């Protein structure tokens, strides 16, 4: 039974690898389609296929200096085996000087960057011929991937296959007319939702903010309801009592999240428009610190009666963090306002889902005697996480906590028979 579970776990862990990784025995064209700036792209060819072409023996981990003697010839090779045409005519491939190595999980790829000429106006369709490696390996496949096309709703994707090429079918045509402003906005909304969900630091900050939403501080620094002294009461300076109804708890949530939203919207816009730019290390360190201070406020009130101050103040830094995500998506000035709108809507929707998951649970637990201890205990854990991240991000070091937890999790999985 344990072997079967191990196989199933390994299979499901392998699925993302198969879906997202570059695969050997395949070459790629990646295109980025811009409304006003034409089409940029890159060729990618695996070192295993370079070995077939030149009878070389490059291994995984090859360096660019090792490939340099072949780079110019490879550029000419890729040019001779590809072409781009449209109703506007032939589009010459203009190669750029720089090339890079992409260290794929299943093999390294040489990346050759280019742009297409005669693109003052985007054509309605694009005919592409792509036949690399076919002459030395008839099983080889080629793929064209539309990595970016805002009005088609494609934002920085590496799995959006638009064309497939084989020795028997080296030419294909794709349409560029299935586009709309709405598709671009929806794509940015999805990006916003996704990046709030995978941003663990943002999620932990939200949790720190909403933990006290279902209870209220009761001034009594030394005694609990029964008149007995307790460590948790002294540690928290104030004992807690549950809110009487749903409305005050919900109003608290709305107030805090509204100020957080206003803050990160301001800085997201300023940073995306390049009006205010802060060093990424500083921003990421402040985001990590925000978790700890919000959690500390749950134990010892820093801004007594003004919980929104933390949400707004540190929300400004979270906005700069979101702006770095937009930069990583490769957005340009085109449709920037709509991109900001869609991304911000997505972030808010993502926040609503997170709150919808945690808030009802907290509300149901508010009357439990253990809730104040839960609040303080979770806050202490968040403070420890915050300290770890703040140090790592400020000094760009690895304290090894993540590695330790990963190793411990593996030991647990081995112990229960899910891994061998």
Protein backbone atom coordinates (compact mmCIF):
# COMPACT_ATOMS: atom_id res chain seq x y z
CA UNK A 1 0.00 0.00 0.00
CA UNK A 2 2.82 2.40 0.87
CA UNK A 3 4.49 1.73 -2.53
CA UNK A 4 1.25 2.59 -4.28
CA UNK A 5 0.93 5.81 -2.29
CA UNK A 6 4.56 6.66 -3.05
CA UNK A 7 3.94 6.14 -6.76
CA UNK A 8 0.82 8.30 -6.71
CA UNK A 9 2.56 11.08 -4.79
CA UNK A 10 5.54 10.98 -7.14
CA UNK A 11 3.24 11.05 -10.16
CA UNK A 12 1.35 14.11 -8.98
CA UNK A 13 4.60 15.87 -8.08
CA UNK A 14 5.87 15.11 -11.59
CA UNK A 15 2.82 16.56 -13.38
CA UNK A 16 3.83 20.23 -12.92
CA UNK A 17 7.31 19.35 -14.14
CA UNK A 18 5.93 17.80 -17.31
CA UNK A 19 3.52 20.65 -17.93
CA UNK A 20 5.81 23.59 -17.24
CA UNK A 21 9.32 22.48 -18.18
CA UNK A 22 11.04 22.76 -21.52
CA UNK A 23 11.25 19.29 -23.03
CA UNK A 24 14.35 17.95 -24.84
CA UNK A 25 13.95 17.06 -28.52
CA UNK A 26 11.89 20.20 -29.02
CA UNK A 27 12.78 23.69 -30.25
CA UNK A 28 10.73 26.79 -29.56
CA UNK A 29 9.78 30.20 -30.85
CA UNK A 30 8.49 32.53 -28.14
CA UNK A 31 6.64 35.63 -29.36
CA UNK A 32 5.62 38.82 -27.54
CA UNK A 33 2.98 40.74 -29.49
CA UNK A 34 2.64 44.47 -28.76
CA UNK A 35 -0.09 46.78 -30.00
CA UNK A 36 2.24 49.62 -31.02
CA UNK A 37 5.74 48.15 -30.81
CA UNK A 38 5.42 45.18 -33.15
CA UNK A 39 6.55 41.66 -32.35
CA UNK A 40 9.62 40.54 -30.41
CA UNK A 41 10.67 36.98 -29.87
CA UNK A 42 13.37 34.43 -29.25
CA UNK A 43 14.46 31.05 -30.55
CA UNK A 44 15.30 28.34 -28.03
CA UNK A 45 17.28 25.25 -28.96
CA UNK A 46 18.35 22.48 -26.58
CA UNK A 47 22.03 21.62 -26.16
CA UNK A 48 21.18 17.98 -26.90
CA UNK A 49 20.01 19.09 -30.35
CA UNK A 50 23.10 21.28 -30.77
CA UNK A 51 25.11 18.10 -30.16
CA UNK A 52 23.21 16.41 -32.99
CA UNK A 53 23.88 19.28 -35.40
CA UNK A 54 27.61 19.70 -34.70
CA UNK A 55 28.48 16.25 -33.33
CA UNK A 56 29.53 17.86 -30.06
CA UNK A 57 29.20 16.57 -26.49
CA UNK A 58 27.82 19.43 -24.40
CA UNK A 59 26.58 18.32 -20.98
CA UNK A 60 23.89 19.76 -18.73
CA UNK A 61 25.21 22.88 -17.04
CA UNK A 62 27.02 24.10 -20.15
CA UNK A 63 28.25 27.71 -19.98
CA UNK A 64 27.82 30.41 -22.57
CA UNK A 65 31.59 30.63 -23.03
CA UNK A 66 31.63 26.94 -24.00
CA UNK A 67 28.91 27.57 -26.60
CA UNK A 68 30.42 30.82 -27.91
CA UNK A 69 32.35 29.19 -30.80
CA UNK A 70 29.02 27.97 -32.20
CA UNK A 71 26.75 30.93 -31.41
CA UNK A 72 27.13 32.89 -34.67
CA UNK A 73 26.69 29.75 -36.76
CA UNK A 74 23.64 28.78 -34.68
CA UNK A 75 22.13 32.20 -35.33
CA UNK A 76 22.55 31.67 -39.05
CA UNK A 77 21.24 28.12 -38.70
CA UNK A 78 18.01 29.26 -36.99
CA UNK A 79 17.53 32.06 -39.53
CA UNK A 80 17.88 29.66 -42.44
CA UNK A 81 15.22 27.39 -40.99
CA UNK A 82 12.56 29.92 -40.09
CA UNK A 83 10.53 32.64 -41.79
CA UNK A 84 7.61 34.96 -40.98
CA UNK A 85 5.08 36.24 -43.51
CA UNK A 86 1.71 37.97 -43.34
CA UNK A 87 -0.72 39.83 -45.60
CA UNK A 88 1.60 42.83 -45.09
CA UNK A 89 4.48 40.94 -46.69
CA UNK A 90 7.67 39.29 -45.49
CA UNK A 91 8.90 40.07 -41.98
CA UNK A 92 12.67 39.87 -41.70
CA UNK A 93 14.09 38.46 -38.49
CA UNK A 94 16.38 41.04 -36.89
CA UNK A 95 18.69 39.24 -34.49
CA UNK A 96 19.95 40.94 -31.35
CA UNK A 97 23.51 40.66 -30.14
CA UNK A 98 22.78 39.10 -26.77
CA UNK A 99 22.15 35.39 -26.25
CA UNK A 100 21.48 33.58 -22.99
CA UNK A 101 21.45 30.10 -21.49
CA UNK A 102 18.20 28.88 -19.96
CA UNK A 103 18.92 26.07 -17.45
CA UNK A 104 15.88 23.86 -18.04
CA UNK A 105 15.08 21.02 -15.67
CA UNK A 106 15.48 18.46 -18.45
CA UNK A 107 18.22 20.19 -20.45
CA UNK A 108 19.81 23.58 -21.17
CA UNK A 109 18.55 25.88 -23.92
CA UNK A 110 20.36 28.53 -25.92
CA UNK A 111 18.12 31.59 -26.26
CA UNK A 112 18.54 33.76 -29.37
CA UNK A 113 16.56 37.02 -29.25
CA UNK A 114 15.07 38.85 -32.24
CA UNK A 115 12.43 41.27 -33.47
CA UNK A 116 10.40 41.27 -36.69
CA UNK A 117 10.57 44.17 -39.11
CA UNK A 118 7.67 45.58 -41.19
CA UNK A 119 5.48 45.65 -38.08
CA UNK A 120 4.37 49.28 -38.01
CA UNK A 121 0.86 47.82 -38.11
CA UNK A 122 0.01 44.44 -36.64
CA UNK A 123 -1.17 42.04 -39.36
CA UNK A 124 -4.38 40.04 -39.05
CA UNK A 125 -2.48 36.76 -39.33
CA UNK A 126 1.07 35.47 -39.27
CA UNK A 127 2.41 32.56 -41.33
CA UNK A 128 5.41 30.90 -39.71
CA UNK A 129 7.86 28.36 -41.12
CA UNK A 130 10.03 26.58 -38.55
CA UNK A 131 12.18 23.52 -39.40
CA UNK A 132 15.27 23.33 -37.14
CA UNK A 133 16.91 19.93 -36.41
CA UNK A 134 14.43 18.15 -38.70
CA UNK A 135 17.25 17.24 -41.10
CA UNK A 136 19.24 15.41 -38.39
CA UNK A 137 16.33 14.15 -36.28
CA UNK A 138 13.01 13.35 -38.00
CA UNK A 139 11.33 12.88 -34.58
CA UNK A 140 12.07 16.47 -33.55
CA UNK A 141 9.17 18.86 -32.87
CA UNK A 142 8.95 22.64 -32.96
CA UNK A 143 6.51 24.86 -31.09
CA UNK A 144 5.53 28.50 -31.28
CA UNK A 145 4.41 29.89 -27.94
CA UNK A 146 2.66 33.24 -27.64
CA UNK A 147 4.23 34.46 -24.43
CA UNK A 148 2.61 37.89 -24.37
CA UNK A 149 -0.32 39.46 -26.23
CA UNK A 150 -2.26 41.80 -23.94
CA UNK A 151 -5.39 42.13 -26.05
CA UNK A 152 -5.53 38.36 -26.50
CA UNK A 153 -5.46 37.93 -22.73
CA UNK A 154 -1.99 36.36 -22.73
CA UNK A 155 0.30 37.75 -20.02
CA UNK A 156 3.77 36.24 -19.62
CA UNK A 157 2.74 32.64 -20.30
CA UNK A 158 5.07 29.82 -21.30
CA UNK A 159 2.40 27.21 -21.88
CA UNK A 160 0.27 29.00 -24.48
CA UNK A 161 1.13 26.88 -27.53
CA UNK A 162 -0.09 28.57 -30.73
CA UNK A 163 1.58 26.35 -33.35
CA UNK A 164 3.19 22.93 -33.66
CA UNK A 165 5.77 22.06 -36.33
CA UNK A 166 7.03 18.70 -37.57
CA UNK A 167 9.03 17.50 -40.60
CA UNK A 168 5.75 16.80 -42.41
CA UNK A 169 4.16 20.09 -41.35
CA UNK A 170 6.78 22.85 -40.96
CA UNK A 171 4.44 25.75 -41.84
CA UNK A 172 1.42 27.03 -39.96
CA UNK A 173 -0.64 30.22 -39.68
CA UNK A 174 -2.08 31.86 -36.59
CA UNK A 175 -4.72 34.54 -36.36
CA UNK A 176 -4.02 37.82 -34.57
CA UNK A 177 -7.60 39.08 -34.72
CA UNK A 178 -9.12 37.23 -31.76
CA UNK A 179 -8.39 40.11 -29.42
CA UNK A 180 -10.25 42.64 -27.28
CA UNK A 181 -9.69 45.07 -24.45
CA UNK A 182 -11.92 42.92 -22.26
CA UNK A 183 -9.63 39.87 -22.67
CA UNK A 184 -6.66 41.94 -21.53
CA UNK A 185 -8.46 43.23 -18.44
CA UNK A 186 -9.69 39.75 -17.50
CA UNK A 187 -6.14 38.39 -17.87
CA UNK A 188 -4.82 41.09 -15.53
CA UNK A 189 -7.58 40.35 -13.00
CA UNK A 190 -6.46 36.70 -13.02
CA UNK A 191 -2.84 37.79 -12.53
CA UNK A 192 -3.87 39.90 -9.52
CA UNK A 193 -5.81 37.03 -7.93
CA UNK A 194 -3.01 34.57 -8.56
CA UNK A 195 -0.26 36.77 -7.16
CA UNK A 196 -2.09 37.54 -3.91
CA UNK A 197 -2.69 33.81 -3.47
CA UNK A 198 0.93 32.80 -4.03
CA UNK A 199 2.25 35.77 -2.03
CA UNK A 200 2.59 34.11 1.37
CA UNK A 201 3.89 37.33 2.95
CA UNK A 202 0.77 39.22 1.83
CA UNK A 203 -1.48 36.43 3.13
CA UNK A 204 0.24 36.35 6.53
CA UNK A 205 -0.06 40.14 6.80
CA UNK A 206 -3.80 39.86 6.14
CA UNK A 207 -4.13 37.12 8.76
CA UNK A 208 -2.31 39.28 11.31
CA UNK A 209 -4.73 42.12 10.54
CA UNK A 210 -7.94 40.10 10.84
CA UNK A 211 -7.08 37.96 13.89
CA UNK A 212 -8.43 40.58 16.36
CA UNK A 213 -11.52 41.34 14.27
CA UNK A 214 -13.84 39.07 16.30
CA UNK A 215 -12.69 40.13 19.78
CA UNK A 216 -12.21 43.41 21.60
CA UNK A 217 -9.64 44.45 24.18
CA UNK A 218 -11.01 44.80 27.69
CA UNK A 219 -8.94 47.08 29.93
CA UNK A 220 -7.79 44.85 32.72
CA UNK A 221 -4.10 44.25 32.41
CA UNK A 222 -3.78 41.82 35.32
CA UNK A 223 -7.01 39.89 35.65
CA UNK A 224 -9.29 37.82 33.50
CA UNK A 225 -13.06 37.56 33.84
CA UNK A 226 -12.81 35.35 36.92
CA UNK A 227 -10.46 37.75 38.69
CA UNK A 228 -7.53 35.37 38.31
CA UNK A 229 -4.12 36.45 37.10
CA UNK A 230 -2.76 34.77 33.99
CA UNK A 231 0.34 34.88 31.83
CA UNK A 232 -1.66 35.39 28.64
CA UNK A 233 -3.46 38.39 30.16
CA UNK A 234 -0.20 39.97 31.34
CA UNK A 235 1.52 39.20 28.01
CA UNK A 236 -1.32 40.79 26.10
CA UNK A 237 -1.68 43.69 28.55
CA UNK A 238 -5.41 43.49 27.93
CA UNK A 239 -7.74 40.55 28.21
CA UNK A 240 -10.12 39.95 25.35
CA UNK A 241 -13.84 39.51 25.04
CA UNK A 242 -15.76 38.32 21.97
CA UNK A 243 -17.76 40.80 19.90
CA UNK A 244 -21.49 40.56 20.58
CA UNK A 245 -22.59 40.28 16.96
CA UNK A 246 -21.49 39.92 13.37
CA UNK A 247 -21.83 43.60 12.44
CA UNK A 248 -19.00 45.09 14.56
CA UNK A 249 -16.62 42.33 13.48
CA UNK A 250 -17.51 42.84 9.83
CA UNK A 251 -17.13 46.64 10.11
CA UNK A 252 -13.66 46.10 11.60
CA UNK A 253 -12.70 43.91 8.64
CA UNK A 254 -14.06 46.43 6.11
CA UNK A 255 -12.22 49.33 7.76
CA UNK A 256 -8.84 47.63 7.99
CA UNK A 257 -8.94 46.07 4.51
CA UNK A 258 -10.17 49.34 2.96
CA UNK A 259 -7.17 51.23 4.31
CA UNK A 260 -4.85 48.43 3.18
CA UNK A 261 -6.41 48.58 -0.29
CA UNK A 262 -6.16 52.37 -0.56
CA UNK A 263 -2.50 52.25 0.48
CA UNK A 264 -1.30 49.56 -1.90
CA UNK A 265 -3.33 51.05 -4.76
CA UNK A 266 -1.51 54.38 -4.33
CA UNK A 267 1.99 52.93 -4.37
CA UNK A 268 1.20 50.32 -7.03
CA UNK A 269 0.17 53.16 -9.34
CA UNK A 270 3.11 55.42 -8.44
CA UNK A 271 5.66 52.65 -8.92
CA UNK A 272 4.13 51.34 -12.16
CA UNK A 273 4.17 54.86 -13.62
CA UNK A 274 7.82 55.16 -12.51
CA UNK A 275 6.98 58.20 -10.37
CA UNK A 276 8.39 56.60 -7.21
CA UNK A 277 10.92 53.78 -7.31
CA UNK A 278 12.33 52.07 -4.20
CA UNK A 279 15.04 49.39 -3.99
CA UNK A 280 13.45 45.93 -4.12
CA UNK A 281 15.52 44.67 -1.17
CA UNK A 282 14.20 47.49 1.01
CA UNK A 283 10.61 46.91 -0.11
CA UNK A 284 10.72 43.16 0.47
CA UNK A 285 12.33 43.66 3.89
CA UNK A 286 9.61 46.13 4.90
CA UNK A 287 6.89 43.73 3.74
CA UNK A 288 8.42 41.03 5.94
CA UNK A 289 8.66 43.49 8.84
CA UNK A 290 5.00 44.48 8.39
CA UNK A 291 3.88 40.97 9.34
CA UNK A 292 5.77 41.09 12.62
CA UNK A 293 4.59 44.57 13.61
CA UNK A 294 0.96 43.78 12.78
CA UNK A 295 1.26 40.61 14.88
CA UNK A 296 3.00 42.49 17.71
CA UNK A 297 0.15 45.00 17.72
CA UNK A 298 -2.18 42.10 18.50
CA UNK A 299 -0.21 41.44 21.70
CA UNK A 300 0.88 44.92 22.77
CA UNK A 301 -1.17 47.62 21.03
CA UNK A 302 1.17 49.98 19.19
CA UNK A 303 -1.54 52.24 17.80
CA UNK A 304 -4.23 51.89 20.45
CA UNK A 305 -7.66 52.19 18.84
CA UNK A 306 -6.13 52.91 15.43
CA UNK A 307 -5.59 49.48 13.91
CA UNK A 308 -6.00 50.99 10.44
CA UNK A 309 -2.66 52.82 10.79
CA UNK A 310 -0.69 49.59 10.40
CA UNK A 311 -2.90 48.44 7.52
CA UNK A 312 -2.40 51.74 5.68
CA UNK A 313 1.24 52.40 6.57
CA UNK A 314 2.57 49.01 5.61
CA UNK A 315 0.03 48.65 2.81
CA UNK A 316 2.13 51.28 1.03
CA UNK A 317 5.09 48.87 0.91
CA UNK A 318 2.89 45.99 -0.21
CA UNK A 319 1.88 48.17 -3.17
CA UNK A 320 5.53 48.51 -4.20
CA UNK A 321 5.76 44.72 -3.93
CA UNK A 322 2.80 44.29 -6.27
CA UNK A 323 4.41 46.75 -8.70
CA UNK A 324 7.50 44.53 -8.94
CA UNK A 325 5.19 41.71 -10.02
CA UNK A 326 3.87 43.86 -12.87
CA UNK A 327 7.46 44.50 -13.91
CA UNK A 328 8.18 40.76 -13.94
CA UNK A 329 5.16 40.25 -16.22
CA UNK A 330 6.92 42.29 -18.92
CA UNK A 331 4.24 44.96 -19.20
CA UNK A 332 5.05 48.06 -21.25
CA UNK A 333 3.36 51.45 -21.34
CA UNK A 334 0.60 50.11 -23.59
CA UNK A 335 -2.70 49.62 -21.75
CA UNK A 336 -0.90 50.44 -18.49
CA UNK A 337 -3.93 52.12 -16.92
CA UNK A 338 -6.17 49.16 -17.76
CA UNK A 339 -3.49 46.75 -16.56
CA UNK A 340 -3.33 48.55 -13.21
CA UNK A 341 -7.12 48.51 -12.95
CA UNK A 342 -7.42 44.80 -13.76
CA UNK A 343 -4.52 43.76 -11.55
CA UNK A 344 -5.84 45.79 -8.62
CA UNK A 345 -9.32 44.31 -9.00
CA UNK A 346 -7.73 40.86 -9.01
CA UNK A 347 -5.78 41.60 -5.83
CA UNK A 348 -8.99 42.73 -4.11
CA UNK A 349 -10.88 39.64 -5.26
CA UNK A 350 -8.01 37.47 -4.00
CA UNK A 351 -8.15 39.25 -0.64
CA UNK A 352 -11.90 38.74 -0.42
CA UNK A 353 -11.48 34.99 -0.95
CA UNK A 354 -8.80 34.80 1.76
CA UNK A 355 -11.00 36.74 4.18
CA UNK A 356 -14.03 34.64 3.24
CA UNK A 357 -12.04 31.54 4.24
CA UNK A 358 -10.59 32.77 7.53
CA UNK A 359 -13.11 35.29 8.88
CA UNK A 360 -16.11 32.92 9.33
CA UNK A 361 -13.83 30.44 11.10
CA UNK A 362 -12.56 33.14 13.46
CA UNK A 363 -16.10 34.33 14.09
CA UNK A 364 -17.21 30.83 15.07
CA UNK A 365 -14.24 30.46 17.42
CA UNK A 366 -14.55 33.88 19.08
CA UNK A 367 -16.47 32.60 22.13
CA UNK A 368 -13.96 29.86 22.87
CA UNK A 369 -11.91 30.44 26.02
CA UNK A 370 -8.82 29.44 24.09
CA UNK A 371 -9.26 32.13 21.43
CA UNK A 372 -7.12 34.79 23.19
CA UNK A 373 -4.36 32.20 23.54
CA UNK A 374 -4.80 31.27 19.88
CA UNK A 375 -4.58 34.94 18.90
CA UNK A 376 -1.41 35.54 20.91
CA UNK A 377 0.14 32.20 19.93
CA UNK A 378 -0.40 32.72 16.20
CA UNK A 379 0.84 36.30 16.52
CA UNK A 380 4.06 35.09 18.16
CA UNK A 381 4.54 32.59 15.33
CA UNK A 382 4.02 35.38 12.78
CA UNK A 383 6.59 37.52 14.59
CA UNK A 384 9.17 34.72 14.38
CA UNK A 385 8.47 34.24 10.66
CA UNK A 386 8.74 38.00 10.16
CA UNK A 387 12.12 38.18 11.92
CA UNK A 388 13.47 35.31 9.81
CA UNK A 389 12.31 36.86 6.52
CA UNK A 390 13.42 40.36 7.49
CA UNK A 391 16.96 39.20 8.24
CA UNK A 392 17.16 37.05 5.11
CA UNK A 393 15.85 39.78 2.82
CA UNK A 394 17.80 42.65 4.41
CA UNK A 395 21.18 40.88 4.28
CA UNK A 396 20.42 38.53 1.36
CA UNK A 397 21.34 35.44 3.34
CA UNK A 398 19.69 32.08 3.93
CA UNK A 399 19.24 31.23 7.60
CA UNK A 400 18.33 27.66 6.66
CA UNK A 401 14.89 27.65 8.28
CA UNK A 402 13.10 26.77 5.03
CA UNK A 403 15.59 23.99 4.31
CA UNK A 404 15.15 22.60 7.82
CA UNK A 405 11.35 22.60 7.50
CA UNK A 406 11.55 20.98 4.06
CA UNK A 407 13.87 18.28 5.40
CA UNK A 408 11.63 17.71 8.40
CA UNK A 409 8.55 17.39 6.18
CA UNK A 410 10.35 14.82 4.04
CA UNK A 411 11.24 12.81 7.15
CA UNK A 412 7.60 12.85 8.22
CA UNK A 413 6.47 11.67 4.76
CA UNK A 414 9.06 8.88 4.83
CA UNK A 415 7.96 7.87 8.33
CA UNK A 416 4.30 7.53 7.31
CA UNK A 417 5.24 5.69 4.12
CA UNK A 418 4.40 8.33 1.51
CA UNK A 419 8.05 8.60 0.45
CA UNK A 420 10.88 6.08 0.47
